[in-house]
N, C-alpha and C. Protein backbone atom coordinates (compact mmCIF):
# COMPACT_ATOMS: atom_id res chain seq x y z
N MET A 1 25.06 -0.90 64.32
CA MET A 1 24.94 -1.52 63.04
C MET A 1 25.96 -0.87 62.11
N ASP A 2 27.10 -1.36 62.18
CA ASP A 2 28.22 -0.85 61.41
C ASP A 2 28.35 -1.65 60.12
N ILE A 3 28.31 -0.94 58.98
CA ILE A 3 28.43 -1.60 57.68
C ILE A 3 29.91 -1.62 57.32
N SER A 4 30.37 -2.78 56.90
CA SER A 4 31.78 -2.91 56.57
C SER A 4 32.09 -2.15 55.30
N MET A 5 33.36 -1.83 55.14
CA MET A 5 33.82 -1.05 53.98
C MET A 5 33.61 -1.82 52.68
N GLU A 6 33.82 -3.14 52.70
CA GLU A 6 33.63 -3.96 51.49
C GLU A 6 32.17 -3.91 51.04
N TYR A 7 31.27 -4.00 52.01
CA TYR A 7 29.84 -3.96 51.68
C TYR A 7 29.46 -2.60 51.09
N LYS A 8 30.02 -1.51 51.61
CA LYS A 8 29.75 -0.18 51.07
C LYS A 8 30.28 -0.06 49.64
N ILE A 9 31.46 -0.59 49.40
CA ILE A 9 32.04 -0.54 48.04
C ILE A 9 31.18 -1.35 47.07
N ILE A 10 30.78 -2.54 47.50
CA ILE A 10 29.93 -3.39 46.65
C ILE A 10 28.60 -2.70 46.38
N LEU A 11 28.04 -2.07 47.40
CA LEU A 11 26.77 -1.36 47.25
C LEU A 11 26.92 -0.18 46.28
N VAL A 12 27.98 0.59 46.38
CA VAL A 12 28.22 1.72 45.49
C VAL A 12 28.45 1.23 44.06
N VAL A 13 29.28 0.20 43.88
CA VAL A 13 29.54 -0.34 42.54
C VAL A 13 28.25 -0.90 41.94
N GLY A 14 27.46 -1.58 42.74
CA GLY A 14 26.17 -2.11 42.25
C GLY A 14 25.23 -1.00 41.81
N CYS A 15 25.18 0.06 42.60
CA CYS A 15 24.31 1.19 42.24
C CYS A 15 24.81 1.86 40.96
N VAL A 16 26.12 2.04 40.85
CA VAL A 16 26.68 2.67 39.65
C VAL A 16 26.42 1.81 38.42
N LEU A 17 26.61 0.49 38.54
CA LEU A 17 26.35 -0.39 37.40
C LEU A 17 24.87 -0.41 37.04
N THR A 18 24.01 -0.42 38.02
CA THR A 18 22.56 -0.39 37.75
C THR A 18 22.19 0.92 37.06
N TRP A 19 22.74 2.03 37.54
CA TRP A 19 22.48 3.32 36.92
C TRP A 19 23.00 3.34 35.48
N LEU A 20 24.21 2.79 35.27
CA LEU A 20 24.81 2.74 33.93
C LEU A 20 23.95 1.91 32.97
N VAL A 21 23.49 0.76 33.43
CA VAL A 21 22.62 -0.08 32.59
C VAL A 21 21.33 0.66 32.27
N PHE A 22 20.76 1.33 33.24
CA PHE A 22 19.53 2.08 33.02
C PHE A 22 19.74 3.20 32.00
N ILE A 23 20.83 3.96 32.13
CA ILE A 23 21.12 5.05 31.20
C ILE A 23 21.38 4.51 29.79
N LEU A 24 22.12 3.41 29.68
CA LEU A 24 22.38 2.81 28.36
C LEU A 24 21.08 2.31 27.72
N ALA A 25 20.23 1.70 28.51
CA ALA A 25 18.94 1.24 27.99
C ALA A 25 18.09 2.42 27.54
N LEU A 26 18.12 3.49 28.31
CA LEU A 26 17.38 4.70 27.94
C LEU A 26 17.91 5.30 26.65
N ALA A 27 19.23 5.33 26.51
CA ALA A 27 19.84 5.86 25.28
C ALA A 27 19.47 4.99 24.08
N LYS A 28 19.51 3.67 24.25
CA LYS A 28 19.15 2.76 23.16
C LYS A 28 17.68 2.94 22.78
N PHE A 29 16.82 3.05 23.77
CA PHE A 29 15.41 3.27 23.50
C PHE A 29 15.20 4.59 22.77
N SER A 30 15.92 5.63 23.17
CA SER A 30 15.80 6.93 22.50
C SER A 30 16.23 6.83 21.04
N LYS A 31 17.31 6.11 20.80
CA LYS A 31 17.79 5.93 19.42
C LYS A 31 16.75 5.19 18.58
N ILE A 32 16.19 4.13 19.14
CA ILE A 32 15.17 3.36 18.42
C ILE A 32 13.94 4.23 18.18
N TYR A 33 13.55 5.03 19.16
CA TYR A 33 12.39 5.90 19.01
C TYR A 33 12.61 6.93 17.91
N ILE A 34 13.81 7.51 17.85
CA ILE A 34 14.12 8.50 16.80
C ILE A 34 14.07 7.84 15.43
N GLN A 35 14.62 6.60 15.32
CA GLN A 35 14.56 5.88 14.05
C GLN A 35 13.11 5.58 13.66
N PHE A 36 12.29 5.23 14.66
CA PHE A 36 10.89 4.94 14.39
C PHE A 36 10.17 6.18 13.88
N VAL A 37 10.42 7.32 14.48
CA VAL A 37 9.78 8.57 14.06
C VAL A 37 10.20 8.91 12.63
N GLN A 38 11.48 8.76 12.31
CA GLN A 38 11.95 9.01 10.95
C GLN A 38 11.31 8.05 9.96
N PHE A 39 11.23 6.77 10.34
CA PHE A 39 10.61 5.76 9.48
C PHE A 39 9.13 6.08 9.25
N ARG A 40 8.44 6.50 10.32
CA ARG A 40 7.02 6.83 10.19
C ARG A 40 6.81 7.99 9.24
N LYS A 41 7.66 9.04 9.33
CA LYS A 41 7.54 10.18 8.42
C LYS A 41 7.77 9.75 6.98
N LYS A 42 8.77 8.89 6.77
CA LYS A 42 9.08 8.42 5.42
C LYS A 42 7.92 7.59 4.86
N VAL A 43 7.37 6.72 5.69
CA VAL A 43 6.26 5.86 5.24
C VAL A 43 5.02 6.71 4.95
N GLU A 44 4.73 7.70 5.78
CA GLU A 44 3.58 8.57 5.52
C GLU A 44 3.75 9.32 4.21
N THR A 45 4.96 9.79 3.94
CA THR A 45 5.23 10.49 2.68
C THR A 45 5.06 9.54 1.50
N ASP A 46 5.60 8.33 1.63
CA ASP A 46 5.48 7.34 0.55
C ASP A 46 4.03 6.95 0.31
N LEU A 47 3.28 6.78 1.39
CA LEU A 47 1.87 6.41 1.24
C LEU A 47 1.06 7.53 0.58
N ALA A 48 1.38 8.76 0.93
CA ALA A 48 0.67 9.88 0.29
C ALA A 48 0.96 9.90 -1.21
N GLY A 49 2.21 9.67 -1.57
CA GLY A 49 2.57 9.61 -3.00
C GLY A 49 1.92 8.43 -3.69
N MET A 50 1.88 7.29 -3.01
CA MET A 50 1.27 6.10 -3.61
C MET A 50 -0.23 6.31 -3.79
N GLY A 51 -0.85 7.00 -2.85
CA GLY A 51 -2.29 7.27 -2.98
C GLY A 51 -2.59 8.06 -4.23
N THR A 52 -1.75 9.04 -4.54
CA THR A 52 -1.92 9.83 -5.76
C THR A 52 -1.79 8.95 -6.99
N HIS A 53 -0.77 8.09 -6.99
CA HIS A 53 -0.57 7.21 -8.14
C HIS A 53 -1.71 6.20 -8.29
N VAL A 54 -2.21 5.69 -7.18
CA VAL A 54 -3.31 4.73 -7.24
C VAL A 54 -4.57 5.41 -7.79
N ARG A 55 -4.83 6.64 -7.39
CA ARG A 55 -5.99 7.37 -7.92
C ARG A 55 -5.84 7.59 -9.43
N LYS A 56 -4.61 7.94 -9.88
CA LYS A 56 -4.39 8.12 -11.31
C LYS A 56 -4.60 6.81 -12.05
N MET A 57 -4.11 5.70 -11.48
CA MET A 57 -4.31 4.40 -12.11
C MET A 57 -5.78 4.04 -12.18
N GLN A 58 -6.51 4.33 -11.12
CA GLN A 58 -7.94 4.04 -11.10
C GLN A 58 -8.67 4.83 -12.17
N LEU A 59 -8.34 6.10 -12.31
CA LEU A 59 -8.97 6.91 -13.35
C LEU A 59 -8.62 6.38 -14.74
N SER A 60 -7.37 5.96 -14.93
CA SER A 60 -6.97 5.40 -16.22
C SER A 60 -7.75 4.13 -16.52
N PHE A 61 -7.90 3.26 -15.52
CA PHE A 61 -8.66 2.04 -15.73
C PHE A 61 -10.13 2.33 -16.01
N GLN A 62 -10.68 3.33 -15.35
CA GLN A 62 -12.07 3.69 -15.63
C GLN A 62 -12.22 4.19 -17.06
N GLU A 63 -11.26 5.02 -17.50
CA GLU A 63 -11.31 5.51 -18.88
C GLU A 63 -11.16 4.37 -19.87
N LEU A 64 -10.27 3.43 -19.58
CA LEU A 64 -10.10 2.26 -20.46
C LEU A 64 -11.37 1.42 -20.51
N THR A 65 -12.01 1.26 -19.36
CA THR A 65 -13.25 0.48 -19.32
C THR A 65 -14.34 1.15 -20.14
N ILE A 66 -14.47 2.46 -20.00
CA ILE A 66 -15.47 3.20 -20.77
C ILE A 66 -15.17 3.08 -22.27
N GLU A 67 -13.91 3.22 -22.63
CA GLU A 67 -13.53 3.12 -24.04
C GLU A 67 -13.77 1.70 -24.56
N HIS A 68 -13.51 0.70 -23.73
CA HIS A 68 -13.74 -0.69 -24.13
C HIS A 68 -15.23 -0.93 -24.35
N ARG A 69 -16.07 -0.42 -23.47
CA ARG A 69 -17.53 -0.58 -23.64
C ARG A 69 -18.01 0.12 -24.90
N ARG A 70 -17.48 1.32 -25.15
CA ARG A 70 -17.86 2.05 -26.36
C ARG A 70 -17.45 1.27 -27.61
N THR A 71 -16.26 0.72 -27.59
CA THR A 71 -15.79 -0.07 -28.73
C THR A 71 -16.66 -1.30 -28.92
N ASN A 72 -17.03 -1.96 -27.83
CA ASN A 72 -17.89 -3.14 -27.93
C ASN A 72 -19.25 -2.78 -28.51
N LYS A 73 -19.82 -1.66 -28.08
CA LYS A 73 -21.12 -1.25 -28.61
C LYS A 73 -21.03 -0.96 -30.11
N LEU A 74 -19.95 -0.26 -30.52
CA LEU A 74 -19.78 0.03 -31.94
C LEU A 74 -19.58 -1.25 -32.75
N LEU A 75 -18.86 -2.20 -32.20
CA LEU A 75 -18.64 -3.47 -32.89
C LEU A 75 -19.94 -4.23 -33.02
N ILE A 76 -20.76 -4.22 -31.99
CA ILE A 76 -22.07 -4.88 -32.06
C ILE A 76 -22.95 -4.21 -33.11
N GLU A 77 -22.94 -2.89 -33.15
CA GLU A 77 -23.72 -2.17 -34.16
C GLU A 77 -23.22 -2.51 -35.56
N LEU A 78 -21.91 -2.60 -35.72
CA LEU A 78 -21.34 -2.95 -37.03
C LEU A 78 -21.74 -4.36 -37.44
N ILE A 79 -21.70 -5.29 -36.50
CA ILE A 79 -22.10 -6.67 -36.82
C ILE A 79 -23.57 -6.73 -37.17
N GLU A 80 -24.41 -6.01 -36.41
CA GLU A 80 -25.85 -6.00 -36.71
C GLU A 80 -26.12 -5.38 -38.08
N ALA A 81 -25.41 -4.29 -38.37
CA ALA A 81 -25.61 -3.65 -39.67
C ALA A 81 -25.16 -4.57 -40.80
N GLN A 82 -24.05 -5.24 -40.61
CA GLN A 82 -23.55 -6.16 -41.63
C GLN A 82 -24.48 -7.35 -41.78
N LYS A 83 -25.03 -7.83 -40.69
CA LYS A 83 -25.93 -8.99 -40.72
C LYS A 83 -27.23 -8.63 -41.43
N ASN A 84 -27.71 -7.42 -41.23
CA ASN A 84 -28.97 -7.01 -41.83
C ASN A 84 -28.82 -6.65 -43.30
N SER A 85 -27.70 -6.09 -43.69
CA SER A 85 -27.57 -5.62 -45.06
C SER A 85 -26.99 -6.68 -46.00
N ASN A 86 -25.83 -7.17 -45.73
CA ASN A 86 -25.20 -8.13 -46.63
C ASN A 86 -24.30 -9.06 -45.81
N PRO A 87 -24.83 -10.18 -45.38
CA PRO A 87 -24.01 -11.08 -44.57
C PRO A 87 -22.82 -11.60 -45.37
N LEU A 88 -21.71 -11.65 -44.74
CA LEU A 88 -20.51 -12.16 -45.38
C LEU A 88 -20.58 -13.68 -45.41
N SER A 89 -20.24 -14.24 -46.53
CA SER A 89 -20.28 -15.70 -46.63
C SER A 89 -19.04 -16.28 -45.96
N GLY A 90 -19.25 -17.31 -45.21
CA GLY A 90 -18.15 -18.00 -44.55
C GLY A 90 -17.71 -17.36 -43.25
N LEU A 91 -18.31 -16.26 -42.87
CA LEU A 91 -17.93 -15.61 -41.62
C LEU A 91 -18.88 -16.06 -40.52
N GLU A 92 -18.32 -16.67 -39.52
CA GLU A 92 -19.13 -17.12 -38.39
C GLU A 92 -18.81 -16.25 -37.18
N TYR A 93 -19.83 -15.83 -36.52
CA TYR A 93 -19.63 -15.02 -35.32
C TYR A 93 -20.74 -15.32 -34.34
N GLU A 94 -20.48 -14.99 -33.11
CA GLU A 94 -21.46 -15.24 -32.06
C GLU A 94 -21.43 -14.04 -31.12
N LEU A 95 -22.59 -13.51 -30.82
CA LEU A 95 -22.69 -12.42 -29.87
C LEU A 95 -22.88 -13.00 -28.48
N VAL A 96 -22.02 -12.59 -27.59
CA VAL A 96 -22.11 -13.05 -26.21
C VAL A 96 -22.37 -11.83 -25.34
N GLU A 97 -23.46 -11.87 -24.61
CA GLU A 97 -23.79 -10.76 -23.74
C GLU A 97 -23.26 -11.06 -22.34
N GLU A 98 -22.60 -10.09 -21.78
CA GLU A 98 -22.05 -10.24 -20.44
C GLU A 98 -22.81 -9.32 -19.50
N GLU A 99 -22.87 -9.74 -18.27
CA GLU A 99 -23.51 -8.88 -17.27
C GLU A 99 -22.61 -7.70 -17.00
N GLU A 100 -23.23 -6.55 -16.89
CA GLU A 100 -22.47 -5.34 -16.64
C GLU A 100 -22.18 -5.24 -15.14
N ILE A 101 -20.92 -5.08 -14.83
CA ILE A 101 -20.52 -4.98 -13.42
C ILE A 101 -20.25 -3.51 -13.14
N ILE A 102 -20.97 -3.00 -12.18
CA ILE A 102 -20.80 -1.59 -11.81
C ILE A 102 -19.99 -1.54 -10.53
N GLN A 103 -18.87 -0.83 -10.61
CA GLN A 103 -18.02 -0.69 -9.43
C GLN A 103 -18.02 0.77 -9.02
N ASN A 104 -17.96 0.97 -7.74
CA ASN A 104 -17.93 2.35 -7.23
C ASN A 104 -16.54 2.87 -7.28
């Protein structure tokens, strides 16, 4: 079973090309993996920073809500006091009660 020289050359060239394609694919995959790891680190850092900002915004909104409720209570007290003592002529107002929404 003698293999001809042409067949040996074709076999060697085929093996070399297959190996080259495999190595190039491995290099490309490695490059993509390194980019993915860098992207993941950047996104984790950004998310950690965004979490801090979101917590600050949430606290600010909670403070604004508390201040808004306090202002509404004072305004209702002022209207009640004005209504009981000396109603203003020509001033029309209506008290609207809203359900209090409690959020965690």
